[in-house]
Amino acid sequence: MTKLIEPGKPVVILPGTVEQIIPENSFTPEEVQISVGNAERLYREIRMENTLRDGNGRKVGLKPGAHVEVTIEARKEETEPKK
């Protein structure tokens, strides 16, 4: 599913790199570990299922070393001005 960023919605897009692929086992599907640039060192890695959809809706997976973007969005009413 492709989701477009809504105009006027607070957003930040962070660069990331796929560090490793964690193989599936009997309890969990294959996962990908992504290092998010600009994040604090201790909180830099995130893990998620390694399943994305291409433009035709087919399932694809990320490769080690792939450059990705991590998008964080919030509803406007759930943010406040910074001083």
PDB file of N, CA and C in Angstrom:
ATOM      1  N   MET A   1       0.840  -1.171   0.000  1.00  0.00           N
ATOM      2  CA  MET A   1       0.000   0.000   0.000  1.00  0.00           C
ATOM      3  C   MET A   1       0.889   1.239   0.000  1.00  0.00           C
ATOM      4  N   THR A   2       0.693   2.119  -0.957  1.00  0.00           N
ATOM      5  CA  THR A   2       1.423   3.368  -1.018  1.00  0.00           C
ATOM      6  C   THR A   2       0.596   4.444  -0.342  1.00  0.00           C
ATOM      7  N   LYS A   3       1.233   5.202   0.533  1.00  0.00           N
ATOM      8  CA  LYS A   3       0.533   6.262   1.255  1.00  0.00           C
ATOM      9  C   LYS A   3       1.233   7.571   0.936  1.00  0.00           C
ATOM     10  N   LEU A   4       0.468   8.555   0.498  1.00  0.00           N
ATOM     11  CA  LEU A   4       1.031   9.860   0.210  1.00  0.00           C
ATOM     12  C   LEU A   4       0.998  10.719   1.460  1.00  0.00           C
ATOM     13  N   ILE A   5       1.975  11.592   1.598  1.00  0.00           N
ATOM     14  CA  ILE A   5       2.015  12.510   2.731  1.00  0.00           C
ATOM     15  C   ILE A   5       0.943  13.569   2.522  1.00  0.00           C
ATOM     16  N   GLU A   6       0.134  13.785   3.552  1.00  0.00           N
ATOM     17  CA  GLU A   6      -0.940  14.767   3.461  1.00  0.00           C
ATOM     18  C   GLU A   6      -0.378  16.172   3.608  1.00  0.00           C
ATOM     19  N   PRO A   7      -0.772  17.108   2.747  1.00  0.00           N
ATOM     20  CA  PRO A   7      -0.311  18.492   2.871  1.00  0.00           C
ATOM     21  C   PRO A   7      -0.703  19.076   4.226  1.00  0.00           C
ATOM     22  N   GLY A   8       0.188  19.820   4.829  1.00  0.00           N
ATOM     23  CA  GLY A   8      -0.076  20.467   6.103  1.00  0.00           C
ATOM     24  C   GLY A   8       0.116  19.571   7.313  1.00  0.00           C
ATOM     25  N   LYS A   9       0.375  18.302   7.097  1.00  0.00           N
ATOM     26  CA  LYS A   9       0.568  17.369   8.197  1.00  0.00           C
ATOM     27  C   LYS A   9       2.032  17.434   8.644  1.00  0.00           C
ATOM     28  N   PRO A  10       2.308  17.575   9.961  1.00  0.00           N
ATOM     29  CA  PRO A  10       3.689  17.591  10.427  1.00  0.00           C
ATOM     30  C   PRO A  10       4.389  16.277  10.069  1.00  0.00           C
ATOM     31  N   VAL A  11       5.591  16.383   9.514  1.00  0.00           N
ATOM     32  CA  VAL A  11       6.295  15.200   9.030  1.00  0.00           C
ATOM     33  C   VAL A  11       7.804  15.409   9.107  1.00  0.00           C
ATOM     34  N   VAL A  12       8.536  14.326   9.282  1.00  0.00           N
ATOM     35  CA  VAL A  12       9.987  14.321   9.146  1.00  0.00           C
ATOM     36  C   VAL A  12      10.350  13.044   8.399  1.00  0.00           C
ATOM     37  N   ILE A  13      11.295  13.151   7.483  1.00  0.00           N
ATOM     38  CA  ILE A  13      11.760  11.994   6.719  1.00  0.00           C
ATOM     39  C   ILE A  13      13.241  11.817   7.023  1.00  0.00           C
ATOM     40  N   LEU A  14      13.588  10.645   7.572  1.00  0.00           N
ATOM     41  CA  LEU A  14      14.961  10.362   7.984  1.00  0.00           C
ATOM     42  C   LEU A  14      15.601   9.341   7.058  1.00  0.00           C
ATOM     43  N   PRO A  15      16.888   9.525   6.739  1.00  0.00           N
ATOM     44  CA  PRO A  15      17.568   8.524   5.919  1.00  0.00           C
ATOM     45  C   PRO A  15      17.872   7.285   6.756  1.00  0.00           C
ATOM     46  N   GLY A  16      17.870   6.140   6.108  1.00  0.00           N
ATOM     47  CA  GLY A  16      18.195   4.896   6.790  1.00  0.00           C
ATOM     48  C   GLY A  16      18.916   3.942   5.858  1.00  0.00           C
ATOM     49  N   THR A  17      19.555   2.933   6.450  1.00  0.00           N
ATOM     50  CA  THR A  17      20.269   1.920   5.685  1.00  0.00           C
ATOM     51  C   THR A  17      19.942   0.552   6.265  1.00  0.00           C
ATOM     52  N   VAL A  18      19.647  -0.404   5.391  1.00  0.00           N
ATOM     53  CA  VAL A  18      19.386  -1.766   5.836  1.00  0.00           C
ATOM     54  C   VAL A  18      20.704  -2.385   6.302  1.00  0.00           C
ATOM     55  N   GLU A  19      20.777  -2.720   7.586  1.00  0.00           N
ATOM     56  CA  GLU A  19      21.987  -3.304   8.148  1.00  0.00           C
ATOM     57  C   GLU A  19      22.032  -4.816   7.971  1.00  0.00           C
ATOM     58  N   GLN A  20      20.908  -5.468   8.219  1.00  0.00           N
ATOM     59  CA  GLN A  20      20.908  -6.925   8.106  1.00  0.00           C
ATOM     60  C   GLN A  20      19.502  -7.460   7.896  1.00  0.00           C
ATOM     61  N   ILE A  21      19.469  -8.673   7.381  1.00  0.00           N
ATOM     62  CA  ILE A  21      18.229  -9.408   7.216  1.00  0.00           C
ATOM     63  C   ILE A  21      18.241 -10.509   8.274  1.00  0.00           C
ATOM     64  N   ILE A  22      17.193 -10.578   9.078  1.00  0.00           N
ATOM     65  CA  ILE A  22      17.078 -11.602  10.106  1.00  0.00           C
ATOM     66  C   ILE A  22      16.176 -12.694   9.539  1.00  0.00           C
ATOM     67  N   PRO A  23      16.718 -13.904   9.350  1.00  0.00           N
ATOM     68  CA  PRO A  23      15.938 -14.979   8.720  1.00  0.00           C
ATOM     69  C   PRO A  23      14.682 -15.325   9.509  1.00  0.00           C
ATOM     70  N   GLU A  24      13.686 -15.833   8.792  1.00  0.00           N
ATOM     71  CA  GLU A  24      12.464 -16.263   9.461  1.00  0.00           C
ATOM     72  C   GLU A  24      12.749 -17.514  10.276  1.00  0.00           C
ATOM     73  N   ASN A  25      11.932 -17.732  11.283  1.00  0.00           N
ATOM     74  CA  ASN A  25      11.998 -18.972  12.044  1.00  0.00           C
ATOM     75  C   ASN A  25      10.570 -19.430  12.300  1.00  0.00           C
ATOM     76  N   SER A  26      10.395 -20.418  13.122  1.00  0.00           N
ATOM     77  CA  SER A  26       9.051 -20.961  13.329  1.00  0.00           C
ATOM     78  C   SER A  26       8.124 -19.997  14.068  1.00  0.00           C
ATOM     79  N   PHE A  27       8.684 -18.924  14.659  1.00  0.00           N
ATOM     80  CA  PHE A  27       7.875 -17.976  15.422  1.00  0.00           C
ATOM     81  C   PHE A  27       7.678 -16.629  14.733  1.00  0.00           C
ATOM     82  N   THR A  28       8.630 -16.217  13.905  1.00  0.00           N
ATOM     83  CA  THR A  28       8.555 -14.892  13.294  1.00  0.00           C
ATOM     84  C   THR A  28       8.909 -14.945  11.809  1.00  0.00           C
ATOM     85  N   PRO A  29       8.317 -14.029  11.024  1.00  0.00           N
ATOM     86  CA  PRO A  29       8.681 -13.947   9.604  1.00  0.00           C
ATOM     87  C   PRO A  29      10.051 -13.285   9.449  1.00  0.00           C
ATOM     88  N   GLU A  30      10.584 -13.309   8.233  1.00  0.00           N
ATOM     89  CA  GLU A  30      11.852 -12.630   7.964  1.00  0.00           C
ATOM     90  C   GLU A  30      11.715 -11.156   8.336  1.00  0.00           C
ATOM     91  N   GLU A  31      12.734 -10.632   8.988  1.00  0.00           N
ATOM     92  CA  GLU A  31      12.730  -9.226   9.386  1.00  0.00           C
ATOM     93  C   GLU A  31      13.939  -8.521   8.791  1.00  0.00           C
ATOM     94  N   VAL A  32      13.861  -7.190   8.778  1.00  0.00           N
ATOM     95  CA  VAL A  32      14.947  -6.356   8.312  1.00  0.00           C
ATOM     96  C   VAL A  32      15.307  -5.399   9.450  1.00  0.00           C
ATOM     97  N   GLN A  33      16.604  -5.193   9.651  1.00  0.00           N
ATOM     98  CA  GLN A  33      17.063  -4.222  10.644  1.00  0.00           C
ATOM     99  C   GLN A  33      17.578  -3.000   9.906  1.00  0.00           C
ATOM    100  N   ILE A  34      17.010  -1.843  10.245  1.00  0.00           N
ATOM    101  CA  ILE A  34      17.349  -0.593   9.574  1.00  0.00           C
ATOM    102  C   ILE A  34      17.998   0.348  10.565  1.00  0.00           C
ATOM    103  N   SER A  35      19.135   0.913  10.180  1.00  0.00           N
ATOM    104  CA  SER A  35      19.805   1.933  10.981  1.00  0.00           C
ATOM    105  C   SER A  35      19.320   3.288  10.487  1.00  0.00           C
ATOM    106  N   VAL A  36      18.722   4.058  11.392  1.00  0.00           N
ATOM    107  CA  VAL A  36      18.153   5.353  11.033  1.00  0.00           C
ATOM    108  C   VAL A  36      19.175   6.449  11.317  1.00  0.00           C
ATOM    109  N   GLY A  37      19.602   7.136  10.267  1.00  0.00           N
ATOM    110  CA  GLY A  37      20.528   8.241  10.430  1.00  0.00           C
ATOM    111  C   GLY A  37      19.867   9.361  11.224  1.00  0.00           C
ATOM    112  N   ASN A  38      20.647  10.175  11.872  1.00  0.00           N
ATOM    113  CA  ASN A  38      20.174  11.319  12.652  1.00  0.00           C
ATOM    114  C   ASN A  38      19.490  10.917  13.955  1.00  0.00           C
ATOM    115  N   ALA A  39      19.385   9.636  14.257  1.00  0.00           N
ATOM    116  CA  ALA A  39      18.784   9.201  15.524  1.00  0.00           C
ATOM    117  C   ALA A  39      19.909   9.019  16.549  1.00  0.00           C
ATOM    118  N   GLU A  40      19.549   9.071  17.831  1.00  0.00           N
ATOM    119  CA  GLU A  40      20.551   8.839  18.867  1.00  0.00           C
ATOM    120  C   GLU A  40      21.112   7.433  18.746  1.00  0.00           C
ATOM    121  N   ARG A  41      22.368   7.283  19.057  1.00  0.00           N
ATOM    122  CA  ARG A  41      23.083   6.023  18.848  1.00  0.00           C
ATOM    123  C   ARG A  41      22.371   4.814  19.452  1.00  0.00           C
ATOM    124  N   LEU A  42      21.898   4.932  20.681  1.00  0.00           N
ATOM    125  CA  LEU A  42      21.263   3.796  21.351  1.00  0.00           C
ATOM    126  C   LEU A  42      19.890   3.454  20.782  1.00  0.00           C
ATOM    127  N   TYR A  43      19.297   4.355  20.011  1.00  0.00           N
ATOM    128  CA  TYR A  43      17.943   4.144  19.504  1.00  0.00           C
ATOM    129  C   TYR A  43      17.897   4.137  17.978  1.00  0.00           C
ATOM    130  N   ARG A  44      19.007   3.898  17.358  1.00  0.00           N
ATOM    131  CA  ARG A  44      19.140   4.037  15.911  1.00  0.00           C
ATOM    132  C   ARG A  44      18.507   2.900  15.113  1.00  0.00           C
ATOM    133  N   GLU A  45      18.513   1.677  15.642  1.00  0.00           N
ATOM    134  CA  GLU A  45      18.036   0.538  14.855  1.00  0.00           C
ATOM    135  C   GLU A  45      16.546   0.273  15.086  1.00  0.00           C
ATOM    136  N   ILE A  46      15.860  -0.021  13.987  1.00  0.00           N
ATOM    137  CA  ILE A  46      14.482  -0.490  14.076  1.00  0.00           C
ATOM    138  C   ILE A  46      14.398  -1.804  13.305  1.00  0.00           C
ATOM    139  N   ARG A  47      13.470  -2.642  13.715  1.00  0.00           N
ATOM    140  CA  ARG A  47      13.236  -3.904  13.013  1.00  0.00           C
ATOM    141  C   ARG A  47      11.782  -3.984  12.613  1.00  0.00           C
ATOM    142  N   MET A  48      11.563  -4.564  11.442  1.00  0.00           N
ATOM    143  CA  MET A  48      10.204  -4.743  10.939  1.00  0.00           C
ATOM    144  C   MET A  48      10.192  -5.939  10.008  1.00  0.00           C
ATOM    145  N   GLU A  49       9.006  -6.425   9.719  1.00  0.00           N
ATOM    146  CA  GLU A  49       8.879  -7.519   8.763  1.00  0.00           C
ATOM    147  C   GLU A  49       9.416  -7.044   7.413  1.00  0.00           C
ATOM    148  N   ASN A  50      10.160  -7.891   6.738  1.00  0.00           N
ATOM    149  CA  ASN A  50      10.779  -7.524   5.466  1.00  0.00           C
ATOM    150  C   ASN A  50       9.826  -7.794   4.306  1.00  0.00           C
ATOM    151  N   THR A  51       8.682  -7.115   4.318  1.00  0.00           N
ATOM    152  CA  THR A  51       7.711  -7.239   3.239  1.00  0.00           C
ATOM    153  C   THR A  51       7.209  -5.854   2.876  1.00  0.00           C
ATOM    154  N   LEU A  52       7.428  -5.479   1.632  1.00  0.00           N
ATOM    155  CA  LEU A  52       6.922  -4.236   1.072  1.00  0.00           C
ATOM    156  C   LEU A  52       6.118  -4.597  -0.166  1.00  0.00           C
ATOM    157  N   ARG A  53       5.446  -3.637  -0.752  1.00  0.00           N
ATOM    158  CA  ARG A  53       4.700  -3.849  -2.004  1.00  0.00           C
ATOM    159  C   ARG A  53       5.245  -2.906  -3.064  1.00  0.00           C
ATOM    160  N   ASP A  54       5.477  -3.454  -4.255  1.00  0.00           N
ATOM    161  CA  ASP A  54       5.951  -2.606  -5.351  1.00  0.00           C
ATOM    162  C   ASP A  54       4.763  -1.892  -5.994  1.00  0.00           C
ATOM    163  N   GLY A  55       5.013  -1.132  -7.052  1.00  0.00           N
ATOM    164  CA  GLY A  55       3.969  -0.355  -7.712  1.00  0.00           C
ATOM    165  C   GLY A  55       2.849  -1.198  -8.294  1.00  0.00           C
ATOM    166  N   ASN A  56       3.120  -2.494  -8.503  1.00  0.00           N
ATOM    167  CA  ASN A  56       2.105  -3.399  -9.042  1.00  0.00           C
ATOM    168  C   ASN A  56       1.421  -4.225  -7.956  1.00  0.00           C
ATOM    169  N   GLY A  57       1.749  -3.940  -6.689  1.00  0.00           N
ATOM    170  CA  GLY A  57       1.128  -4.666  -5.586  1.00  0.00           C
ATOM    171  C   GLY A  57       1.793  -5.978  -5.228  1.00  0.00           C
ATOM    172  N   ARG A  58       2.899  -6.316  -5.911  1.00  0.00           N
ATOM    173  CA  ARG A  58       3.607  -7.566  -5.607  1.00  0.00           C
ATOM    174  C   ARG A  58       4.481  -7.393  -4.372  1.00  0.00           C
ATOM    175  N   LYS A  59       4.611  -8.458  -3.583  1.00  0.00           N
ATOM    176  CA  LYS A  59       5.457  -8.420  -2.396  1.00  0.00           C
ATOM    177  C   LYS A  59       6.925  -8.433  -2.800  1.00  0.00           C
ATOM    178  N   VAL A  60       7.713  -7.573  -2.155  1.00  0.00           N
ATOM    179  CA  VAL A  60       9.159  -7.514  -2.362  1.00  0.00           C
ATOM    180  C   VAL A  60       9.818  -7.360  -0.996  1.00  0.00           C
ATOM    181  N   GLY A  61      11.125  -7.633  -0.932  1.00  0.00           N
ATOM    182  CA  GLY A  61      11.874  -7.483   0.305  1.00  0.00           C
ATOM    183  C   GLY A  61      13.108  -6.624   0.080  1.00  0.00           C
ATOM    184  N   LEU A  62      13.543  -5.971   1.129  1.00  0.00           N
ATOM    185  CA  LEU A  62      14.734  -5.124   1.051  1.00  0.00           C
ATOM    186  C   LEU A  62      15.998  -5.977   1.058  1.00  0.00           C
ATOM    187  N   LYS A  63      17.054  -5.454   0.443  1.00  0.00           N
ATOM    188  CA  LYS A  63      18.360  -6.113   0.412  1.00  0.00           C
ATOM    189  C   LYS A  63      19.285  -5.446   1.426  1.00  0.00           C
ATOM    190  N   PRO A  64      20.265  -6.181   1.951  1.00  0.00           N
ATOM    191  CA  PRO A  64      21.250  -5.558   2.843  1.00  0.00           C
ATOM    192  C   PRO A  64      21.942  -4.399   2.128  1.00  0.00           C
ATOM    193  N   GLY A  65      22.143  -3.296   2.845  1.00  0.00           N
ATOM    194  CA  GLY A  65      22.804  -2.128   2.280  1.00  0.00           C
ATOM    195  C   GLY A  65      21.875  -1.172   1.558  1.00  0.00           C
ATOM    196  N   ALA A  66      20.599  -1.547   1.402  1.00  0.00           N
ATOM    197  CA  ALA A  66      19.647  -0.684   0.696  1.00  0.00           C
ATOM    198  C   ALA A  66      19.480   0.635   1.450  1.00  0.00           C
ATOM    199  N   HIS A  67      19.360   1.713   0.708  1.00  0.00           N
ATOM    200  CA  HIS A  67      19.108   3.032   1.287  1.00  0.00           C
ATOM    201  C   HIS A  67      17.596   3.249   1.293  1.00  0.00           C
ATOM    202  N   VAL A  68      17.062   3.613   2.457  1.00  0.00           N
ATOM    203  CA  VAL A  68      15.617   3.779   2.618  1.00  0.00           C
ATOM    204  C   VAL A  68      15.326   5.117   3.283  1.00  0.00           C
ATOM    205  N   GLU A  69      14.065   5.478   3.300  1.00  0.00           N
ATOM    206  CA  GLU A  69      13.607   6.673   4.015  1.00  0.00           C
ATOM    207  C   GLU A  69      12.576   6.236   5.043  1.00  0.00           C
ATOM    208  N   VAL A  70      12.721   6.719   6.258  1.00  0.00           N
ATOM    209  CA  VAL A  70      11.781   6.433   7.334  1.00  0.00           C
ATOM    210  C   VAL A  70      10.961   7.706   7.543  1.00  0.00           C
ATOM    211  N   THR A  71       9.661   7.605   7.342  1.00  0.00           N
ATOM    212  CA  THR A  71       8.777   8.761   7.445  1.00  0.00           C
ATOM    213  C   THR A  71       7.985   8.696   8.741  1.00  0.00           C
ATOM    214  N   ILE A  72       8.003   9.797   9.481  1.00  0.00           N
ATOM    215  CA  ILE A  72       7.224   9.911  10.713  1.00  0.00           C
ATOM    216  C   ILE A  72       6.240  11.051  10.514  1.00  0.00           C
ATOM    217  N   GLU A  73       4.946  10.732  10.640  1.00  0.00           N
ATOM    218  CA  GLU A  73       3.880  11.717  10.471  1.00  0.00           C
ATOM    219  C   GLU A  73       3.051  11.785  11.744  1.00  0.00           C
ATOM    220  N   ALA A  74       2.430  12.926  11.963  1.00  0.00           N
ATOM    221  CA  ALA A  74       1.516  13.084  13.092  1.00  0.00           C
ATOM    222  C   ALA A  74       0.340  13.932  12.648  1.00  0.00           C
ATOM    223  N   ARG A  75      -0.773  13.751  13.311  1.00  0.00           N
ATOM    224  CA  ARG A  75      -1.903  14.641  13.055  1.00  0.00           C
ATOM    225  C   ARG A  75      -1.577  16.000  13.661  1.00  0.00           C
ATOM    226  N   LYS A  76      -1.994  17.038  12.982  1.00  0.00           N
ATOM    227  CA  LYS A  76      -1.685  18.401  13.427  1.00  0.00           C
ATOM    228  C   LYS A  76      -2.123  18.643  14.858  1.00  0.00           C
ATOM    229  N   GLU A  77      -3.310  18.122  15.235  1.00  0.00           N
ATOM    230  CA  GLU A  77      -3.808  18.353  16.602  1.00  0.00           C
ATOM    231  C   GLU A  77      -3.029  17.578  17.663  1.00  0.00           C
ATOM    232  N   GLU A  78      -2.124  16.718  17.252  1.00  0.00           N
ATOM    233  CA  GLU A  78      -1.302  15.965  18.211  1.00  0.00           C
ATOM    234  C   GLU A  78       0.120  16.513  18.304  1.00  0.00           C
ATOM    235  N   THR A  79       0.295  17.738  17.827  1.00  0.00           N
ATOM    236  CA  THR A  79       1.593  18.409  17.930  1.00  0.00           C
ATOM    237  C   THR A  79       1.411  19.750  18.610  1.00  0.00           C
ATOM    238  N   GLU A  80       2.524  20.348  19.031  1.00  0.00           N
ATOM    239  CA  GLU A  80       2.483  21.676  19.630  1.00  0.00           C
ATOM    240  C   GLU A  80       3.675  22.469  19.132  1.00  0.00           C
ATOM    241  N   PRO A  81       3.564  23.778  19.090  1.00  0.00           N
ATOM    242  CA  PRO A  81       4.669  24.618  18.619  1.00  0.00           C
ATOM    243  C   PRO A  81       5.895  24.467  19.501  1.00  0.00           C
ATOM    244  N   LYS A  82       7.067  24.514  18.884  1.00  0.00           N
ATOM    245  CA  LYS A  82       8.334  24.490  19.626  1.00  0.00           C
ATOM    246  C   LYS A  82       8.708  25.913  19.989  1.00  0.00           C
ATOM    247  N   LYS A  83       9.321  26.081  21.145  1.00  0.00           N
ATOM    248  CA  LYS A  83       9.771  27.421  21.597  1.00  0.00           C
ATOM    249  C   LYS A  83      11.117  27.745  21.034  1.00  0.00           C
TER     250      LYS A  83
END
